[in-house]
PDB file of N, CA and C in Angstrom:
ATOM      1  N   UNK A   1       5.686  -8.548   4.754  1.00  0.00           N
ATOM      2  CA  UNK A   1       6.977  -8.208   4.218  1.00  0.00           C
ATOM      3  C   UNK A   1       6.793  -7.685   2.780  1.00  0.00           C
ATOM      4  N   UNK A   2       7.443  -6.600   2.500  1.00  0.00           N
ATOM      5  CA  UNK A   2       7.397  -6.011   1.164  1.00  0.00           C
ATOM      6  C   UNK A   2       8.347  -6.767   0.244  1.00  0.00           C
ATOM      7  N   UNK A   3       7.922  -6.955  -0.989  1.00  0.00           N
ATOM      8  CA  UNK A   3       8.720  -7.632  -2.012  1.00  0.00           C
ATOM      9  C   UNK A   3       9.027  -6.633  -3.112  1.00  0.00           C
ATOM     10  N   UNK A   4      10.253  -6.624  -3.579  1.00  0.00           N
ATOM     11  CA  UNK A   4      10.619  -5.792  -4.725  1.00  0.00           C
ATOM     12  C   UNK A   4      10.448  -6.637  -5.978  1.00  0.00           C
ATOM     13  N   UNK A   5       9.640  -6.109  -6.909  1.00  0.00           N
ATOM     14  CA  UNK A   5       9.297  -6.871  -8.103  1.00  0.00           C
ATOM     15  C   UNK A   5       8.982  -5.901  -9.234  1.00  0.00           C
ATOM     16  N   UNK A   6       9.712  -6.009 -10.336  1.00  0.00           N
ATOM     17  CA  UNK A   6       9.468  -5.157 -11.500  1.00  0.00           C
ATOM     18  C   UNK A   6       9.430  -3.672 -11.146  1.00  0.00           C
ATOM     19  N   UNK A   7      10.433  -3.200 -10.423  1.00  0.00           N
ATOM     20  CA  UNK A   7      10.520  -1.793 -10.016  1.00  0.00           C
ATOM     21  C   UNK A   7       9.322  -1.344  -9.199  1.00  0.00           C
ATOM     22  N   UNK A   8       8.778  -2.252  -8.398  1.00  0.00           N
ATOM     23  CA  UNK A   8       7.660  -1.954  -7.506  1.00  0.00           C
ATOM     24  C   UNK A   8       7.894  -2.622  -6.165  1.00  0.00           C
ATOM     25  N   UNK A   9       7.395  -1.993  -5.117  1.00  0.00           N
ATOM     26  CA  UNK A   9       7.299  -2.643  -3.818  1.00  0.00           C
ATOM     27  C   UNK A   9       5.885  -3.176  -3.708  1.00  0.00           C
ATOM     28  N   UNK A  10       5.731  -4.440  -3.361  1.00  0.00           N
ATOM     29  CA  UNK A  10       4.397  -5.022  -3.242  1.00  0.00           C
ATOM     30  C   UNK A  10       4.265  -5.767  -1.918  1.00  0.00           C
ATOM     31  N   UNK A  11       3.049  -5.780  -1.424  1.00  0.00           N
ATOM     32  CA  UNK A  11       2.753  -6.525  -0.205  1.00  0.00           C
ATOM     33  C   UNK A  11       1.276  -6.855  -0.170  1.00  0.00           C
ATOM     34  N   UNK A  12       0.964  -8.015   0.358  1.00  0.00           N
ATOM     35  CA  UNK A  12      -0.417  -8.428   0.579  1.00  0.00           C
ATOM     36  C   UNK A  12      -0.705  -8.414   2.074  1.00  0.00           C
ATOM     37  N   UNK A  13      -1.820  -7.804   2.438  1.00  0.00           N
ATOM     38  CA  UNK A  13      -2.283  -7.736   3.814  1.00  0.00           C
ATOM     39  C   UNK A  13      -3.550  -8.570   3.935  1.00  0.00           C
ATOM     40  N   UNK A  14      -3.668  -9.325   5.016  1.00  0.00           N
ATOM     41  CA  UNK A  14      -4.847 -10.163   5.226  1.00  0.00           C
ATOM     42  C   UNK A  14      -5.625  -9.678   6.444  1.00  0.00           C
ATOM     43  N   UNK A  15      -6.949  -9.700   6.316  1.00  0.00           N
ATOM     44  CA  UNK A  15      -7.838  -9.252   7.385  1.00  0.00           C
ATOM     45  C   UNK A  15      -8.845 -10.335   7.712  1.00  0.00           C
ATOM     46  N   UNK A  16      -9.585 -10.147   8.786  1.00  0.00           N
ATOM     47  CA  UNK A  16     -10.580 -11.136   9.209  1.00  0.00           C
ATOM     48  C   UNK A  16     -11.822 -11.137   8.334  1.00  0.00           C
ATOM     49  N   UNK A  17     -12.134  -9.964   7.742  1.00  0.00           N
ATOM     50  CA  UNK A  17     -13.367  -9.874   6.967  1.00  0.00           C
ATOM     51  C   UNK A  17     -13.298  -8.676   6.008  1.00  0.00           C
ATOM     52  N   UNK A  18     -14.325  -8.535   5.215  1.00  0.00           N
ATOM     53  CA  UNK A  18     -14.390  -7.484   4.208  1.00  0.00           C
ATOM     54  C   UNK A  18     -14.369  -6.091   4.834  1.00  0.00           C
ATOM     55  N   UNK A  19     -15.108  -5.896   5.908  1.00  0.00           N
ATOM     56  CA  UNK A  19     -15.191  -4.569   6.539  1.00  0.00           C
ATOM     57  C   UNK A  19     -13.811  -4.105   7.002  1.00  0.00           C
ATOM     58  N   UNK A  20     -13.063  -4.981   7.653  1.00  0.00           N
ATOM     59  CA  UNK A  20     -11.718  -4.618   8.100  1.00  0.00           C
ATOM     60  C   UNK A  20     -10.814  -4.272   6.908  1.00  0.00           C
ATOM     61  N   UNK A  21     -10.905  -5.074   5.863  1.00  0.00           N
ATOM     62  CA  UNK A  21     -10.086  -4.824   4.670  1.00  0.00           C
ATOM     63  C   UNK A  21     -10.450  -3.487   4.037  1.00  0.00           C
ATOM     64  N   UNK A  22     -11.738  -3.204   3.945  1.00  0.00           N
ATOM     65  CA  UNK A  22     -12.192  -1.946   3.344  1.00  0.00           C
ATOM     66  C   UNK A  22     -11.777  -0.744   4.197  1.00  0.00           C
ATOM     67  N   UNK A  23     -11.874  -0.860   5.494  1.00  0.00           N
ATOM     68  CA  UNK A  23     -11.435   0.227   6.376  1.00  0.00           C
ATOM     69  C   UNK A  23      -9.942   0.487   6.204  1.00  0.00           C
ATOM     70  N   UNK A  24      -9.158  -0.569   6.074  1.00  0.00           N
ATOM     71  CA  UNK A  24      -7.726  -0.426   5.851  1.00  0.00           C
ATOM     72  C   UNK A  24      -7.463   0.321   4.547  1.00  0.00           C
ATOM     73  N   UNK A  25      -8.167  -0.066   3.489  1.00  0.00           N
ATOM     74  CA  UNK A  25      -8.009   0.609   2.197  1.00  0.00           C
ATOM     75  C   UNK A  25      -8.329   2.094   2.330  1.00  0.00           C
ATOM     76  N   UNK A  26      -9.412   2.421   2.987  1.00  0.00           N
ATOM     77  CA  UNK A  26      -9.791   3.824   3.156  1.00  0.00           C
ATOM     78  C   UNK A  26      -8.757   4.595   3.971  1.00  0.00           C
ATOM     79  N   UNK A  27      -8.238   3.982   5.013  1.00  0.00           N
ATOM     80  CA  UNK A  27      -7.216   4.643   5.826  1.00  0.00           C
ATOM     81  C   UNK A  27      -5.919   4.831   5.052  1.00  0.00           C
ATOM     82  N   UNK A  28      -5.536   3.848   4.275  1.00  0.00           N
ATOM     83  CA  UNK A  28      -4.331   3.970   3.448  1.00  0.00           C
ATOM     84  C   UNK A  28      -4.545   5.072   2.408  1.00  0.00           C
ATOM     85  N   UNK A  29      -5.743   5.176   1.898  1.00  0.00           N
ATOM     86  CA  UNK A  29      -6.058   6.247   0.950  1.00  0.00           C
ATOM     87  C   UNK A  29      -5.833   7.622   1.564  1.00  0.00           C
ATOM     88  N   UNK A  30      -6.224   7.793   2.811  1.00  0.00           N
ATOM     89  CA  UNK A  30      -6.008   9.077   3.497  1.00  0.00           C
ATOM     90  C   UNK A  30      -4.524   9.358   3.700  1.00  0.00           C
ATOM     91  N   UNK A  31      -3.788   8.344   4.124  1.00  0.00           N
ATOM     92  CA  UNK A  31      -2.341   8.499   4.311  1.00  0.00           C
ATOM     93  C   UNK A  31      -1.687   8.882   2.986  1.00  0.00           C
ATOM     94  N   UNK A  32      -2.047   8.174   1.925  1.00  0.00           N
ATOM     95  CA  UNK A  32      -1.468   8.436   0.605  1.00  0.00           C
ATOM     96  C   UNK A  32      -1.806   9.840   0.121  1.00  0.00           C
ATOM     97  N   UNK A  33      -3.024  10.263   0.341  1.00  0.00           N
ATOM     98  CA  UNK A  33      -3.430  11.602  -0.083  1.00  0.00           C
ATOM     99  C   UNK A  33      -2.641  12.669   0.676  1.00  0.00           C
ATOM    100  N   UNK A  34      -2.458  12.460   1.973  1.00  0.00           N
ATOM    101  CA  UNK A  34      -1.670  13.411   2.762  1.00  0.00           C
ATOM    102  C   UNK A  34      -0.224  13.484   2.288  1.00  0.00           C
ATOM    103  N   UNK A  35       0.321  12.370   1.846  1.00  0.00           N
ATOM    104  CA  UNK A  35       1.701  12.323   1.359  1.00  0.00           C
ATOM    105  C   UNK A  35       1.801  12.691  -0.124  1.00  0.00           C
ATOM    106  N   UNK A  36       0.662  12.818  -0.787  1.00  0.00           N
ATOM    107  CA  UNK A  36       0.620  13.109  -2.229  1.00  0.00           C
ATOM    108  C   UNK A  36       1.402  12.054  -3.023  1.00  0.00           C
ATOM    109  N   UNK A  37       1.248  10.806  -2.578  1.00  0.00           N
ATOM    110  CA  UNK A  37       1.903   9.669  -3.232  1.00  0.00           C
ATOM    111  C   UNK A  37       0.929   8.502  -3.167  1.00  0.00           C
ATOM    112  N   UNK A  38       0.450   8.060  -4.311  1.00  0.00           N
ATOM    113  CA  UNK A  38      -0.695   7.167  -4.354  1.00  0.00           C
ATOM    114  C   UNK A  38      -0.315   5.766  -4.845  1.00  0.00           C
ATOM    115  N   UNK A  39      -0.590   4.758  -4.028  1.00  0.00           N
ATOM    116  CA  UNK A  39      -0.287   3.384  -4.405  1.00  0.00           C
ATOM    117  C   UNK A  39      -1.383   2.792  -5.289  1.00  0.00           C
ATOM    118  N   UNK A  40      -1.069   1.694  -5.919  1.00  0.00           N
ATOM    119  CA  UNK A  40      -2.100   0.876  -6.556  1.00  0.00           C
ATOM    120  C   UNK A  40      -2.615  -0.055  -5.462  1.00  0.00           C
ATOM    121  N   UNK A  41      -3.942  -0.134  -5.334  1.00  0.00           N
ATOM    122  CA  UNK A  41      -4.557  -0.926  -4.266  1.00  0.00           C
ATOM    123  C   UNK A  41      -5.602  -1.856  -4.884  1.00  0.00           C
ATOM    124  N   UNK A  42      -5.554  -3.121  -4.471  1.00  0.00           N
ATOM    125  CA  UNK A  42      -6.536  -4.102  -4.923  1.00  0.00           C
ATOM    126  C   UNK A  42      -7.083  -4.823  -3.698  1.00  0.00           C
ATOM    127  N   UNK A  43      -8.400  -4.768  -3.497  1.00  0.00           N
ATOM    128  CA  UNK A  43      -9.072  -5.531  -2.455  1.00  0.00           C
ATOM    129  C   UNK A  43      -9.653  -6.752  -3.155  1.00  0.00           C
ATOM    130  N   UNK A  44      -9.213  -7.941  -2.742  1.00  0.00           N
ATOM    131  CA  UNK A  44      -9.644  -9.159  -3.444  1.00  0.00           C
ATOM    132  C   UNK A  44     -10.040 -10.248  -2.463  1.00  0.00           C
ATOM    133  N   UNK A  45     -10.846 -11.155  -2.934  1.00  0.00           N
ATOM    134  CA  UNK A  45     -11.284 -12.307  -2.138  1.00  0.00           C
ATOM    135  C   UNK A  45     -11.778 -11.892  -0.756  1.00  0.00           C
ATOM    136  N   UNK A  46     -12.402 -10.781  -0.684  1.00  0.00           N
ATOM    137  CA  UNK A  46     -13.098 -10.166   0.455  1.00  0.00           C
ATOM    138  C   UNK A  46     -12.231  -9.792   1.643  1.00  0.00           C
ATOM    139  N   UNK A  47     -11.006 -10.332   1.766  1.00  0.00           N
ATOM    140  CA  UNK A  47     -10.219 -10.015   2.959  1.00  0.00           C
ATOM    141  C   UNK A  47      -8.732  -9.788   2.703  1.00  0.00           C
ATOM    142  N   UNK A  48      -8.344  -9.744   1.443  1.00  0.00           N
ATOM    143  CA  UNK A  48      -6.941  -9.500   1.098  1.00  0.00           C
ATOM    144  C   UNK A  48      -6.803  -8.149   0.411  1.00  0.00           C
ATOM    145  N   UNK A  49      -5.773  -7.400   0.804  1.00  0.00           N
ATOM    146  CA  UNK A  49      -5.490  -6.115   0.179  1.00  0.00           C
ATOM    147  C   UNK A  49      -4.062  -6.177  -0.368  1.00  0.00           C
ATOM    148  N   UNK A  50      -3.944  -6.021  -1.681  1.00  0.00           N
ATOM    149  CA  UNK A  50      -2.644  -5.981  -2.339  1.00  0.00           C
ATOM    150  C   UNK A  50      -2.284  -4.521  -2.592  1.00  0.00           C
ATOM    151  N   UNK A  51      -1.089  -4.137  -2.153  1.00  0.00           N
ATOM    152  CA  UNK A  51      -0.628  -2.769  -2.368  1.00  0.00           C
ATOM    153  C   UNK A  51       0.661  -2.825  -3.166  1.00  0.00           C
ATOM    154  N   UNK A  52       0.736  -1.943  -4.152  1.00  0.00           N
ATOM    155  CA  UNK A  52       1.912  -1.842  -5.014  1.00  0.00           C
ATOM    156  C   UNK A  52       2.366  -0.387  -5.036  1.00  0.00           C
ATOM    157  N   UNK A  53       3.656  -0.180  -4.770  1.00  0.00           N
ATOM    158  CA  UNK A  53       4.215   1.171  -4.718  1.00  0.00           C
ATOM    159  C   UNK A  53       5.305   1.342  -5.767  1.00  0.00           C
ATOM    160  N   UNK A  54       5.227   2.424  -6.504  1.00  0.00           N
ATOM    161  CA  UNK A  54       6.267   2.849  -7.419  1.00  0.00           C
ATOM    162  C   UNK A  54       6.085   4.346  -7.618  1.00  0.00           C
ATOM    163  N   UNK A  55       7.125   5.019  -8.042  1.00  0.00           N
ATOM    164  CA  UNK A  55       7.010   6.461  -8.267  1.00  0.00           C
ATOM    165  C   UNK A  55       6.791   6.694  -9.755  1.00  0.00           C
ATOM    166  N   UNK A  56       5.548   6.987 -10.097  1.00  0.00           N
ATOM    167  CA  UNK A  56       5.152   7.130 -11.495  1.00  0.00           C
ATOM    168  C   UNK A  56       5.878   8.270 -12.197  1.00  0.00           C
ATOM    169  N   UNK A  57       6.077   9.371 -11.479  1.00  0.00           N
ATOM    170  CA  UNK A  57       6.700  10.527 -12.132  1.00  0.00           C
ATOM    171  C   UNK A  57       8.232  10.436 -12.142  1.00  0.00           C
ATOM    172  N   UNK A  58       8.750   9.278 -11.749  1.00  0.00           N
ATOM    173  CA  UNK A  58      10.191   9.044 -11.817  1.00  0.00           C
ATOM    174  C   UNK A  58      10.472   7.792 -12.650  1.00  0.00           C
ATOM    175  N   UNK A  59       9.692   7.615 -13.701  1.00  0.00           N
ATOM    176  CA  UNK A  59       9.906   6.485 -14.600  1.00  0.00           C
ATOM    177  C   UNK A  59       9.542   5.143 -14.004  1.00  0.00           C
ATOM    178  N   UNK A  60       8.571   5.146 -13.077  1.00  0.00           N
ATOM    179  CA  UNK A  60       8.132   3.914 -12.423  1.00  0.00           C
ATOM    180  C   UNK A  60       9.281   3.177 -11.752  1.00  0.00           C
ATOM    181  N   UNK A  61      10.036   3.904 -10.975  1.00  0.00           N
ATOM    182  CA  UNK A  61      11.140   3.347 -10.190  1.00  0.00           C
ATOM    183  C   UNK A  61      10.808   3.486  -8.710  1.00  0.00           C
ATOM    184  N   UNK A  62      11.387   2.627  -7.897  1.00  0.00           N
ATOM    185  CA  UNK A  62      11.217   2.730  -6.455  1.00  0.00           C
ATOM    186  C   UNK A  62      12.095   3.872  -5.949  1.00  0.00           C
ATOM    187  N   UNK A  63      11.472   4.770  -5.193  1.00  0.00           N
ATOM    188  CA  UNK A  63      12.197   5.913  -4.648  1.00  0.00           C
ATOM    189  C   UNK A  63      11.967   5.987  -3.139  1.00  0.00           C
ATOM    190  N   UNK A  64      12.559   6.982  -2.536  1.00  0.00           N
ATOM    191  CA  UNK A  64      12.390   7.222  -1.108  1.00  0.00           C
ATOM    192  C   UNK A  64      10.916   7.421  -0.749  1.00  0.00           C
ATOM    193  N   UNK A  65      10.143   8.012  -1.662  1.00  0.00           N
ATOM    194  CA  UNK A  65       8.703   8.196  -1.420  1.00  0.00           C
ATOM    195  C   UNK A  65       8.022   6.850  -1.173  1.00  0.00           C
ATOM    196  N   UNK A  66       8.387   5.855  -1.964  1.00  0.00           N
ATOM    197  CA  UNK A  66       7.780   4.528  -1.832  1.00  0.00           C
ATOM    198  C   UNK A  66       8.174   3.876  -0.511  1.00  0.00           C
ATOM    199  N   UNK A  67       9.451   3.981  -0.161  1.00  0.00           N
ATOM    200  CA  UNK A  67       9.936   3.393   1.087  1.00  0.00           C
ATOM    201  C   UNK A  67       9.269   4.044   2.293  1.00  0.00           C
ATOM    202  N   UNK A  68       9.111   5.354   2.241  1.00  0.00           N
ATOM    203  CA  UNK A  68       8.462   6.075   3.336  1.00  0.00           C
ATOM    204  C   UNK A  68       6.995   5.673   3.462  1.00  0.00           C
ATOM    205  N   UNK A  69       6.292   5.602   2.337  1.00  0.00           N
ATOM    206  CA  UNK A  69       4.881   5.217   2.385  1.00  0.00           C
ATOM    207  C   UNK A  69       4.732   3.779   2.862  1.00  0.00           C
ATOM    208  N   UNK A  70       5.614   2.888   2.443  1.00  0.00           N
ATOM    209  CA  UNK A  70       5.575   1.498   2.911  1.00  0.00           C
ATOM    210  C   UNK A  70       5.722   1.441   4.433  1.00  0.00           C
ATOM    211  N   UNK A  71       6.610   2.240   4.992  1.00  0.00           N
ATOM    212  CA  UNK A  71       6.789   2.274   6.445  1.00  0.00           C
ATOM    213  C   UNK A  71       5.534   2.782   7.148  1.00  0.00           C
ATOM    214  N   UNK A  72       4.913   3.798   6.587  1.00  0.00           N
ATOM    215  CA  UNK A  72       3.680   4.330   7.184  1.00  0.00           C
ATOM    216  C   UNK A  72       2.553   3.303   7.133  1.00  0.00           C
ATOM    217  N   UNK A  73       2.455   2.594   6.016  1.00  0.00           N
ATOM    218  CA  UNK A  73       1.425   1.554   5.882  1.00  0.00           C
ATOM    219  C   UNK A  73       1.673   0.437   6.886  1.00  0.00           C
ATOM    220  N   UNK A  74       2.931   0.018   7.008  1.00  0.00           N
ATOM    221  CA  UNK A  74       3.261  -1.030   7.987  1.00  0.00           C
ATOM    222  C   UNK A  74       2.914  -0.587   9.401  1.00  0.00           C
ATOM    223  N   UNK A  75       3.245   0.641   9.742  1.00  0.00           N
ATOM    224  CA  UNK A  75       2.952   1.164  11.078  1.00  0.00           C
ATOM    225  C   UNK A  75       1.441   1.166  11.334  1.00  0.00           C
ATOM    226  N   UNK A  76       0.670   1.546  10.333  1.00  0.00           N
ATOM    227  CA  UNK A  76      -0.783   1.574  10.500  1.00  0.00           C
ATOM    228  C   UNK A  76      -1.324   0.158  10.634  1.00  0.00           C
ATOM    229  N   UNK A  77      -0.822  -0.774   9.841  1.00  0.00           N
ATOM    230  CA  UNK A  77      -1.290  -2.158   9.864  1.00  0.00           C
ATOM    231  C   UNK A  77      -1.031  -2.812  11.220  1.00  0.00           C
ATOM    232  N   UNK A  78       0.057  -2.441  11.858  1.00  0.00           N
ATOM    233  CA  UNK A  78       0.408  -3.083  13.126  1.00  0.00           C
ATOM    234  C   UNK A  78      -0.362  -2.515  14.332  1.00  0.00           C
ATOM    235  N   UNK A  79      -1.177  -1.492  14.109  1.00  0.00           N
ATOM    236  CA  UNK A  79      -1.950  -0.917  15.226  1.00  0.00           C
ATOM    237  C   UNK A  79      -3.012  -1.866  15.754  1.00  0.00           C
TER     238      UNK A  79
END
């Protein structure tokens, strides 16, 4: 579930191991690049991925771009 916090959408994803988490990060990177909208991503404790979305060029506010990217990330995670 995405949380709204300090004008950002944030969510933590958990994986079974480091390889799965890293593959997820790489796939999210491709999605973000295709959308030309780039999240902040942190891979921590070998199996957790924290993603933070905000629109930097709109004064760091949550916009439709963030909501759309969050939906795409959720769809990919549920595969």
